Amino acid sequence: MKKRFAFGAIIGAVAGVVAGFLTAPKSGKESREDIKNKAAELKAEAGRRKDHAKEKADTMVEEARTVAKEYKDRSERAVEGAKKGFKEDPKKK
């Protein structure tokens, strides 16, 4: 749901910018320069958002690896404890 909203917001923003350029009382040269500048701004913003998303994804992957290793270690200790319990002679207790 959030992805659809964000995508819709981006499309709406782009449509607004295009409509603004098409209705602006500027020369073709000025409009092309404005479009070029706005495209550069949007590209930079997209790059920043991509970098942020990558950092967040990397953090989440590392956290998942840590949790998985912790559960693996716990299960190995539990299995070893169970093996040890089965190997002990019940008469010695």
PDB file of N, CA and C in Angstrom:
ATOM      1  N   MET A   1       0.831  -1.185   0.000  1.00  0.00           N
ATOM      2  CA  MET A   1       0.000   0.000   0.000  1.00  0.00           C
ATOM      3  C   MET A   1       0.881   1.255   0.000  1.00  0.00           C
ATOM      4  N   LYS A   2       1.923   1.274   0.841  1.00  0.00           N
ATOM      5  CA  LYS A   2       2.814   2.433   0.893  1.00  0.00           C
ATOM      6  C   LYS A   2       3.549   2.619  -0.426  1.00  0.00           C
ATOM      7  N   LYS A   3       3.933   1.490  -1.055  1.00  0.00           N
ATOM      8  CA  LYS A   3       4.663   1.570  -2.323  1.00  0.00           C
ATOM      9  C   LYS A   3       3.787   2.188  -3.403  1.00  0.00           C
ATOM     10  N   ARG A   4       2.513   1.793  -3.438  1.00  0.00           N
ATOM     11  CA  ARG A   4       1.597   2.351  -4.435  1.00  0.00           C
ATOM     12  C   ARG A   4       1.400   3.839  -4.208  1.00  0.00           C
ATOM     13  N   PHE A   5       1.262   4.229  -2.948  1.00  0.00           N
ATOM     14  CA  PHE A   5       1.077   5.651  -2.646  1.00  0.00           C
ATOM     15  C   PHE A   5       2.314   6.447  -3.057  1.00  0.00           C
ATOM     16  N   ALA A   6       3.486   5.930  -2.713  1.00  0.00           N
ATOM     17  CA  ALA A   6       4.730   6.623  -3.063  1.00  0.00           C
ATOM     18  C   ALA A   6       4.879   6.723  -4.577  1.00  0.00           C
ATOM     19  N   PHE A   7       4.567   5.641  -5.280  1.00  0.00           N
ATOM     20  CA  PHE A   7       4.655   5.657  -6.737  1.00  0.00           C
ATOM     21  C   PHE A   7       3.675   6.678  -7.304  1.00  0.00           C
ATOM     22  N   GLY A   8       2.466   6.700  -6.784  1.00  0.00           N
ATOM     23  CA  GLY A   8       1.468   7.669  -7.236  1.00  0.00           C
ATOM     24  C   GLY A   8       1.902   9.097  -6.959  1.00  0.00           C
ATOM     25  N   ALA A   9       2.520   9.311  -5.804  1.00  0.00           N
ATOM     26  CA  ALA A   9       2.994  10.657  -5.456  1.00  0.00           C
ATOM     27  C   ALA A   9       4.096  11.099  -6.413  1.00  0.00           C
ATOM     28  N   ILE A  10       4.981  10.192  -6.765  1.00  0.00           N
ATOM     29  CA  ILE A  10       6.059  10.518  -7.703  1.00  0.00           C
ATOM     30  C   ILE A  10       5.485  10.852  -9.074  1.00  0.00           C
ATOM     31  N   ILE A  11       4.566  10.029  -9.540  1.00  0.00           N
ATOM     32  CA  ILE A  11       3.937  10.279 -10.842  1.00  0.00           C
ATOM     33  C   ILE A  11       3.205  11.617 -10.818  1.00  0.00           C
ATOM     34  N   GLY A  12       2.503  11.893  -9.732  1.00  0.00           N
ATOM     35  CA  GLY A  12       1.803  13.172  -9.601  1.00  0.00           C
ATOM     36  C   GLY A  12       2.759  14.351  -9.616  1.00  0.00           C
ATOM     37  N   ALA A  13       3.877  14.213  -8.939  1.00  0.00           N
ATOM     38  CA  ALA A  13       4.863  15.300  -8.905  1.00  0.00           C
ATOM     39  C   ALA A  13       5.447  15.543 -10.287  1.00  0.00           C
ATOM     40  N   VAL A  14       5.768  14.472 -10.983  1.00  0.00           N
ATOM     41  CA  VAL A  14       6.315  14.611 -12.330  1.00  0.00           C
ATOM     42  C   VAL A  14       5.287  15.257 -13.252  1.00  0.00           C
ATOM     43  N   ALA A  15       4.050  14.812 -13.159  1.00  0.00           N
ATOM     44  CA  ALA A  15       2.992  15.397 -13.987  1.00  0.00           C
ATOM     45  C   ALA A  15       2.827  16.879 -13.677  1.00  0.00           C
ATOM     46  N   GLY A  16       2.903  17.249 -12.417  1.00  0.00           N
ATOM     47  CA  GLY A  16       2.810  18.655 -12.033  1.00  0.00           C
ATOM     48  C   GLY A  16       3.939  19.489 -12.599  1.00  0.00           C
ATOM     49  N   VAL A  17       5.139  18.951 -12.537  1.00  0.00           N
ATOM     50  CA  VAL A  17       6.303  19.664 -13.070  1.00  0.00           C
ATOM     51  C   VAL A  17       6.157  19.850 -14.578  1.00  0.00           C
ATOM     52  N   VAL A  18       5.771  18.800 -15.269  1.00  0.00           N
ATOM     53  CA  VAL A  18       5.596  18.880 -16.725  1.00  0.00           C
ATOM     54  C   VAL A  18       4.514  19.897 -17.066  1.00  0.00           C
ATOM     55  N   ALA A  19       3.401  19.839 -16.372  1.00  0.00           N
ATOM     56  CA  ALA A  19       2.316  20.790 -16.629  1.00  0.00           C
ATOM     57  C   ALA A  19       2.778  22.221 -16.359  1.00  0.00           C
ATOM     58  N   GLY A  20       3.551  22.409 -15.330  1.00  0.00           N
ATOM     59  CA  GLY A  20       4.068  23.736 -15.010  1.00  0.00           C
ATOM     60  C   GLY A  20       4.981  24.271 -16.098  1.00  0.00           C
ATOM     61  N   PHE A  21       5.825  23.404 -16.609  1.00  0.00           N
ATOM     62  CA  PHE A  21       6.730  23.829 -17.678  1.00  0.00           C
ATOM     63  C   PHE A  21       5.967  24.156 -18.963  1.00  0.00           C
ATOM     64  N   LEU A  22       4.971  23.351 -19.253  1.00  0.00           N
ATOM     65  CA  LEU A  22       4.231  23.560 -20.493  1.00  0.00           C
ATOM     66  C   LEU A  22       3.378  24.826 -20.472  1.00  0.00           C
ATOM     67  N   THR A  23       2.973  25.247 -19.290  1.00  0.00           N
ATOM     68  CA  THR A  23       2.125  26.440 -19.192  1.00  0.00           C
ATOM     69  C   THR A  23       2.897  27.684 -18.773  1.00  0.00           C
ATOM     70  N   ALA A  24       4.175  27.551 -18.519  1.00  0.00           N
ATOM     71  CA  ALA A  24       4.980  28.696 -18.071  1.00  0.00           C
ATOM     72  C   ALA A  24       5.242  29.646 -19.244  1.00  0.00           C
ATOM     73  N   PRO A  25       5.199  30.955 -18.964  1.00  0.00           N
ATOM     74  CA  PRO A  25       5.441  31.933 -20.032  1.00  0.00           C
ATOM     75  C   PRO A  25       6.940  32.192 -20.223  1.00  0.00           C
ATOM     76  N   LYS A  26       7.675  31.154 -20.595  1.00  0.00           N
ATOM     77  CA  LYS A  26       9.119  31.273 -20.788  1.00  0.00           C
ATOM     78  C   LYS A  26       9.447  30.888 -22.220  1.00  0.00           C
ATOM     79  N   SER A  27      10.623  31.277 -22.645  1.00  0.00           N
ATOM     80  CA  SER A  27      11.081  30.884 -23.975  1.00  0.00           C
ATOM     81  C   SER A  27      11.431  29.404 -23.967  1.00  0.00           C
ATOM     82  N   GLY A  28      11.562  28.838 -25.141  1.00  0.00           N
ATOM     83  CA  GLY A  28      11.928  27.426 -25.252  1.00  0.00           C
ATOM     84  C   GLY A  28      13.264  27.130 -24.615  1.00  0.00           C
ATOM     85  N   LYS A  29      14.210  28.046 -24.802  1.00  0.00           N
ATOM     86  CA  LYS A  29      15.546  27.849 -24.238  1.00  0.00           C
ATOM     87  C   LYS A  29      15.478  27.834 -22.707  1.00  0.00           C
ATOM     88  N   GLU A  30      14.728  28.783 -22.140  1.00  0.00           N
ATOM     89  CA  GLU A  30      14.598  28.839 -20.674  1.00  0.00           C
ATOM     90  C   GLU A  30      13.882  27.601 -20.153  1.00  0.00           C
ATOM     91  N   SER A  31      12.843  27.176 -20.852  1.00  0.00           N
ATOM     92  CA  SER A  31      12.102  25.983 -20.425  1.00  0.00           C
ATOM     93  C   SER A  31      12.983  24.752 -20.474  1.00  0.00           C
ATOM     94  N   ARG A  32      13.772  24.606 -21.534  1.00  0.00           N
ATOM     95  CA  ARG A  32      14.675  23.456 -21.632  1.00  0.00           C
ATOM     96  C   ARG A  32      15.715  23.478 -20.503  1.00  0.00           C
ATOM     97  N   GLU A  33      16.211  24.653 -20.180  1.00  0.00           N
ATOM     98  CA  GLU A  33      17.179  24.774 -19.080  1.00  0.00           C
ATOM     99  C   GLU A  33      16.530  24.402 -17.752  1.00  0.00           C
ATOM    100  N   ASP A  34      15.301  24.864 -17.537  1.00  0.00           N
ATOM    101  CA  ASP A  34      14.580  24.511 -16.313  1.00  0.00           C
ATOM    102  C   ASP A  34      14.351  22.999 -16.231  1.00  0.00           C
ATOM    103  N   ILE A  35      13.956  22.413 -17.361  1.00  0.00           N
ATOM    104  CA  ILE A  35      13.727  20.966 -17.388  1.00  0.00           C
ATOM    105  C   ILE A  35      15.019  20.224 -17.088  1.00  0.00           C
ATOM    106  N   LYS A  36      16.106  20.677 -17.675  1.00  0.00           N
ATOM    107  CA  LYS A  36      17.413  20.053 -17.445  1.00  0.00           C
ATOM    108  C   LYS A  36      17.792  20.129 -15.963  1.00  0.00           C
ATOM    109  N   ASN A  37      17.599  21.296 -15.362  1.00  0.00           N
ATOM    110  CA  ASN A  37      17.926  21.476 -13.940  1.00  0.00           C
ATOM    111  C   ASN A  37      17.040  20.605 -13.050  1.00  0.00           C
ATOM    112  N   LYS A  38      15.745  20.578 -13.367  1.00  0.00           N
ATOM    113  CA  LYS A  38      14.817  19.789 -12.551  1.00  0.00           C
ATOM    114  C   LYS A  38      15.143  18.302 -12.682  1.00  0.00           C
ATOM    115  N   ALA A  39      15.487  17.877 -13.894  1.00  0.00           N
ATOM    116  CA  ALA A  39      15.864  16.472 -14.101  1.00  0.00           C
ATOM    117  C   ALA A  39      17.102  16.130 -13.286  1.00  0.00           C
ATOM    118  N   ALA A  40      18.057  17.039 -13.239  1.00  0.00           N
ATOM    119  CA  ALA A  40      19.266  16.802 -12.441  1.00  0.00           C
ATOM    120  C   ALA A  40      18.922  16.702 -10.955  1.00  0.00           C
ATOM    121  N   GLU A  41      18.023  17.563 -10.490  1.00  0.00           N
ATOM    122  CA  GLU A  41      17.592  17.512  -9.083  1.00  0.00           C
ATOM    123  C   GLU A  41      16.905  16.184  -8.781  1.00  0.00           C
ATOM    124  N   LEU A  42      15.996  15.773  -9.665  1.00  0.00           N
ATOM    125  CA  LEU A  42      15.283  14.517  -9.452  1.00  0.00           C
ATOM    126  C   LEU A  42      16.233  13.327  -9.483  1.00  0.00           C
ATOM    127  N   LYS A  43      17.222  13.368 -10.366  1.00  0.00           N
ATOM    128  CA  LYS A  43      18.195  12.288 -10.440  1.00  0.00           C
ATOM    129  C   LYS A  43      19.012  12.212  -9.145  1.00  0.00           C
ATOM    130  N   ALA A  44      19.419  13.369  -8.639  1.00  0.00           N
ATOM    131  CA  ALA A  44      20.191  13.395  -7.392  1.00  0.00           C
ATOM    132  C   ALA A  44      19.358  12.869  -6.230  1.00  0.00           C
ATOM    133  N   GLU A  45      18.093  13.286  -6.176  1.00  0.00           N
ATOM    134  CA  GLU A  45      17.199  12.822  -5.099  1.00  0.00           C
ATOM    135  C   GLU A  45      16.989  11.316  -5.201  1.00  0.00           C
ATOM    136  N   ALA A  46      16.800  10.821  -6.410  1.00  0.00           N
ATOM    137  CA  ALA A  46      16.631   9.373  -6.594  1.00  0.00           C
ATOM    138  C   ALA A  46      17.887   8.632  -6.139  1.00  0.00           C
ATOM    139  N   GLY A  47      19.050   9.190  -6.439  1.00  0.00           N
ATOM    140  CA  GLY A  47      20.300   8.571  -5.996  1.00  0.00           C
ATOM    141  C   GLY A  47      20.410   8.529  -4.484  1.00  0.00           C
ATOM    142  N   ARG A  48      20.028   9.633  -3.834  1.00  0.00           N
ATOM    143  CA  ARG A  48      20.073   9.662  -2.359  1.00  0.00           C
ATOM    144  C   ARG A  48      19.104   8.632  -1.772  1.00  0.00           C
ATOM    145  N   ARG A  49      17.921   8.565  -2.342  1.00  0.00           N
ATOM    146  CA  ARG A  49      16.934   7.597  -1.832  1.00  0.00           C
ATOM    147  C   ARG A  49      17.398   6.163  -2.059  1.00  0.00           C
ATOM    148  N   LYS A  50      18.034   5.910  -3.211  1.00  0.00           N
ATOM    149  CA  LYS A  50      18.554   4.576  -3.500  1.00  0.00           C
ATOM    150  C   LYS A  50      19.625   4.211  -2.482  1.00  0.00           C
ATOM    151  N   ASP A  51      20.538   5.149  -2.213  1.00  0.00           N
ATOM    152  CA  ASP A  51      21.614   4.894  -1.249  1.00  0.00           C
ATOM    153  C   ASP A  51      21.050   4.622   0.140  1.00  0.00           C
ATOM    154  N   HIS A  52      20.046   5.405   0.529  1.00  0.00           N
ATOM    155  CA  HIS A  52      19.417   5.218   1.837  1.00  0.00           C
ATOM    156  C   HIS A  52      18.752   3.839   1.914  1.00  0.00           C
ATOM    157  N   ALA A  53      18.036   3.465   0.850  1.00  0.00           N
ATOM    158  CA  ALA A  53      17.370   2.165   0.831  1.00  0.00           C
ATOM    159  C   ALA A  53      18.393   1.035   0.895  1.00  0.00           C
ATOM    160  N   LYS A  54      19.508   1.199   0.196  1.00  0.00           N
ATOM    161  CA  LYS A  54      20.552   0.166   0.217  1.00  0.00           C
ATOM    162  C   LYS A  54      21.156   0.034   1.612  1.00  0.00           C
ATOM    163  N   GLU A  55      21.417   1.156   2.256  1.00  0.00           N
ATOM    164  CA  GLU A  55      21.963   1.114   3.615  1.00  0.00           C
ATOM    165  C   GLU A  55      20.996   0.412   4.561  1.00  0.00           C
ATOM    166  N   LYS A  56      19.721   0.746   4.424  1.00  0.00           N
ATOM    167  CA  LYS A  56      18.711   0.142   5.290  1.00  0.00           C
ATOM    168  C   LYS A  56      18.614  -1.359   5.028  1.00  0.00           C
ATOM    169  N   ALA A  57      18.644  -1.745   3.758  1.00  0.00           N
ATOM    170  CA  ALA A  57      18.585  -3.163   3.407  1.00  0.00           C
ATOM    171  C   ALA A  57      19.813  -3.896   3.934  1.00  0.00           C
ATOM    172  N   ASP A  58      20.985  -3.296   3.801  1.00  0.00           N
ATOM    173  CA  ASP A  58      22.217  -3.917   4.308  1.00  0.00           C
ATOM    174  C   ASP A  58      22.137  -4.125   5.816  1.00  0.00           C
ATOM    175  N   THR A  59      21.609  -3.132   6.518  1.00  0.00           N
ATOM    176  CA  THR A  59      21.447  -3.237   7.973  1.00  0.00           C
ATOM    177  C   THR A  59      20.499  -4.374   8.327  1.00  0.00           C
ATOM    178  N   MET A  60      19.385  -4.451   7.596  1.00  0.00           N
ATOM    179  CA  MET A  60      18.401  -5.501   7.874  1.00  0.00           C
ATOM    180  C   MET A  60      18.982  -6.888   7.584  1.00  0.00           C
ATOM    181  N   VAL A  61      19.762  -7.018   6.520  1.00  0.00           N
ATOM    182  CA  VAL A  61      20.381  -8.301   6.195  1.00  0.00           C
ATOM    183  C   VAL A  61      21.350  -8.694   7.303  1.00  0.00           C
ATOM    184  N   GLU A  62      22.145  -7.751   7.763  1.00  0.00           N
ATOM    185  CA  GLU A  62      23.109  -8.055   8.828  1.00  0.00           C
ATOM    186  C   GLU A  62      22.391  -8.462  10.119  1.00  0.00           C
ATOM    187  N   GLU A  63      21.307  -7.771  10.443  1.00  0.00           N
ATOM    188  CA  GLU A  63      20.538  -8.134  11.635  1.00  0.00           C
ATOM    189  C   GLU A  63      19.942  -9.531  11.487  1.00  0.00           C
ATOM    190  N   ALA A  64      19.447  -9.849  10.299  1.00  0.00           N
ATOM    191  CA  ALA A  64      18.874 -11.176  10.065  1.00  0.00           C
ATOM    192  C   ALA A  64      19.944 -12.254  10.199  1.00  0.00           C
ATOM    193  N   ARG A  65      21.133 -11.974   9.683  1.00  0.00           N
ATOM    194  CA  ARG A  65      22.232 -12.945   9.813  1.00  0.00           C
ATOM    195  C   ARG A  65      22.590 -13.167  11.279  1.00  0.00           C
ATOM    196  N   THR A  66      22.619 -12.090  12.042  1.00  0.00           N
ATOM    197  CA  THR A  66      22.954 -12.200  13.461  1.00  0.00           C
ATOM    198  C   THR A  66      21.923 -13.048  14.199  1.00  0.00           C
ATOM    199  N   VAL A  67      20.647 -12.772  13.935  1.00  0.00           N
ATOM    200  CA  VAL A  67      19.577 -13.538  14.590  1.00  0.00           C
ATOM    201  C   VAL A  67      19.631 -14.999  14.161  1.00  0.00           C
ATOM    202  N   ALA A  68      19.848 -15.246  12.859  1.00  0.00           N
ATOM    203  CA  ALA A  68      19.919 -16.627  12.370  1.00  0.00           C
ATOM    204  C   ALA A  68      21.073 -17.374  13.031  1.00  0.00           C
ATOM    205  N   LYS A  69      22.228 -16.727  13.168  1.00  0.00           N
ATOM    206  CA  LYS A  69      23.378 -17.373  13.807  1.00  0.00           C
ATOM    207  C   LYS A  69      23.075 -17.674  15.268  1.00  0.00           C
ATOM    208  N   GLU A  70      22.401 -16.720  15.928  1.00  0.00           N
ATOM    209  CA  GLU A  70      22.050 -16.932  17.335  1.00  0.00           C
ATOM    210  C   GLU A  70      21.130 -18.147  17.491  1.00  0.00           C
ATOM    211  N   TYR A  71      20.103 -18.251  16.628  1.00  0.00           N
ATOM    212  CA  TYR A  71      19.191 -19.390  16.698  1.00  0.00           C
ATOM    213  C   TYR A  71      19.909 -20.695  16.352  1.00  0.00           C
ATOM    214  N   LYS A  72      20.812 -20.629  15.393  1.00  0.00           N
ATOM    215  CA  LYS A  72      21.583 -21.827  15.023  1.00  0.00           C
ATOM    216  C   LYS A  72      22.422 -22.287  16.206  1.00  0.00           C
ATOM    217  N   ASP A  73      23.107 -21.343  16.856  1.00  0.00           N
ATOM    218  CA  ASP A  73      23.937 -21.689  18.014  1.00  0.00           C
ATOM    219  C   ASP A  73      23.091 -22.276  19.136  1.00  0.00           C
ATOM    220  N   ARG A  74      21.929 -21.666  19.376  1.00  0.00           N
ATOM    221  CA  ARG A  74      21.041 -22.182  20.430  1.00  0.00           C
ATOM    222  C   ARG A  74      20.588 -23.602  20.121  1.00  0.00           C
ATOM    223  N   SER A  75      20.193 -23.825  18.857  1.00  0.00           N
ATOM    224  CA  SER A  75      19.701 -25.163  18.507  1.00  0.00           C
ATOM    225  C   SER A  75      20.824 -26.192  18.604  1.00  0.00           C
ATOM    226  N   GLU A  76      22.047 -25.817  18.216  1.00  0.00           N
ATOM    227  CA  GLU A  76      23.167 -26.748  18.341  1.00  0.00           C
ATOM    228  C   GLU A  76      23.434 -27.095  19.801  1.00  0.00           C
ATOM    229  N   ARG A  77      23.356 -26.091  20.678  1.00  0.00           N
ATOM    230  CA  ARG A  77      23.556 -26.360  22.109  1.00  0.00           C
ATOM    231  C   ARG A  77      22.443 -27.253  22.651  1.00  0.00           C
ATOM    232  N   ALA A  78      21.223 -27.032  22.186  1.00  0.00           N
ATOM    233  CA  ALA A  78      20.104 -27.858  22.649  1.00  0.00           C
ATOM    234  C   ALA A  78      20.263 -29.296  22.190  1.00  0.00           C
ATOM    235  N   VAL A  79      20.705 -29.484  20.947  1.00  0.00           N
ATOM    236  CA  VAL A  79      20.908 -30.838  20.432  1.00  0.00           C
ATOM    237  C   VAL A  79      22.026 -31.522  21.208  1.00  0.00           C
ATOM    238  N   GLU A  80      23.116 -30.813  21.450  1.00  0.00           N
ATOM    239  CA  GLU A  80      24.224 -31.403  22.210  1.00  0.00           C
ATOM    240  C   GLU A  80      23.773 -31.752  23.630  1.00  0.00           C
ATOM    241  N   GLY A  81      22.991 -30.887  24.234  1.00  0.00           N
ATOM    242  CA  GLY A  81      22.484 -31.182  25.582  1.00  0.00           C
ATOM    243  C   GLY A  81      21.574 -32.405  25.583  1.00  0.00           C
ATOM    244  N   ALA A  82      20.755 -32.520  24.554  1.00  0.00           N
ATOM    245  CA  ALA A  82      19.866 -33.678  24.459  1.00  0.00           C
ATOM    246  C   ALA A  82      20.676 -34.957  24.252  1.00  0.00           C
ATOM    247  N   LYS A  83      21.689 -34.899  23.401  1.00  0.00           N
ATOM    248  CA  LYS A  83      22.538 -36.072  23.172  1.00  0.00           C
ATOM    249  C   LYS A  83      23.214 -36.492  24.465  1.00  0.00           C
ATOM    250  N   LYS A  84      23.721 -35.509  25.178  1.00  0.00           N
ATOM    251  CA  LYS A  84      24.410 -35.804  26.439  1.00  0.00           C
ATOM    252  C   LYS A  84      23.429 -36.434  27.433  1.00  0.00           C
ATOM    253  N   GLY A  85      22.200 -35.917  27.463  1.00  0.00           N
ATOM    254  CA  GLY A  85      21.193 -36.466  28.364  1.00  0.00           C
ATOM    255  C   GLY A  85      20.833 -37.892  28.033  1.00  0.00           C
ATOM    256  N   PHE A  86      20.793 -38.230  26.767  1.00  0.00           N
ATOM    257  CA  PHE A  86      20.469 -39.602  26.378  1.00  0.00           C
ATOM    258  C   PHE A  86      21.624 -40.565  26.628  1.00  0.00           C
ATOM    259  N   LYS A  87      22.854 -40.063  26.586  1.00  0.00           N
ATOM    260  CA  LYS A  87      24.021 -40.921  26.777  1.00  0.00           C
ATOM    261  C   LYS A  87      24.260 -41.264  28.248  1.00  0.00           C
ATOM    262  N   GLU A  88      23.767 -40.441  29.149  1.00  0.00           N
ATOM    263  CA  GLU A  88      23.994 -40.686  30.562  1.00  0.00           C
ATOM    264  C   GLU A  88      23.220 -41.932  31.010  1.00  0.00           C
ATOM    265  N   ASP A  89      23.817 -42.633  31.937  1.00  0.00           N
ATOM    266  CA  ASP A  89      23.187 -43.826  32.471  1.00  0.00           C
ATOM    267  C   ASP A  89      22.109 -43.414  33.464  1.00  0.00           C
ATOM    268  N   PRO A  90      20.862 -43.777  33.224  1.00  0.00           N
ATOM    269  CA  PRO A  90      19.783 -43.359  34.132  1.00  0.00           C
ATOM    270  C   PRO A  90      19.934 -43.941  35.534  1.00  0.00           C
ATOM    271  N   LYS A  91      20.699 -45.010  35.706  1.00  0.00           N
ATOM    272  CA  LYS A  91      20.890 -45.623  37.023  1.00  0.00           C
ATOM    273  C   LYS A  91      21.776 -44.761  37.916  1.00  0.00           C
ATOM    274  N   LYS A  92      22.626 -43.899  37.320  1.00  0.00           N
ATOM    275  CA  LYS A  92      23.548 -43.082  38.099  1.00  0.00           C
ATOM    276  C   LYS A  92      22.835 -41.915  38.757  1.00  0.00           C
ATOM    277  N   LYS A  93      21.645 -41.590  38.348  1.00  0.00           N
ATOM    278  CA  LYS A  93      20.920 -40.450  38.916  1.00  0.00           C
ATOM    279  C   LYS A  93      20.284 -40.759  40.216  1.00  0.00           C
TER     280      LYS A  93
END
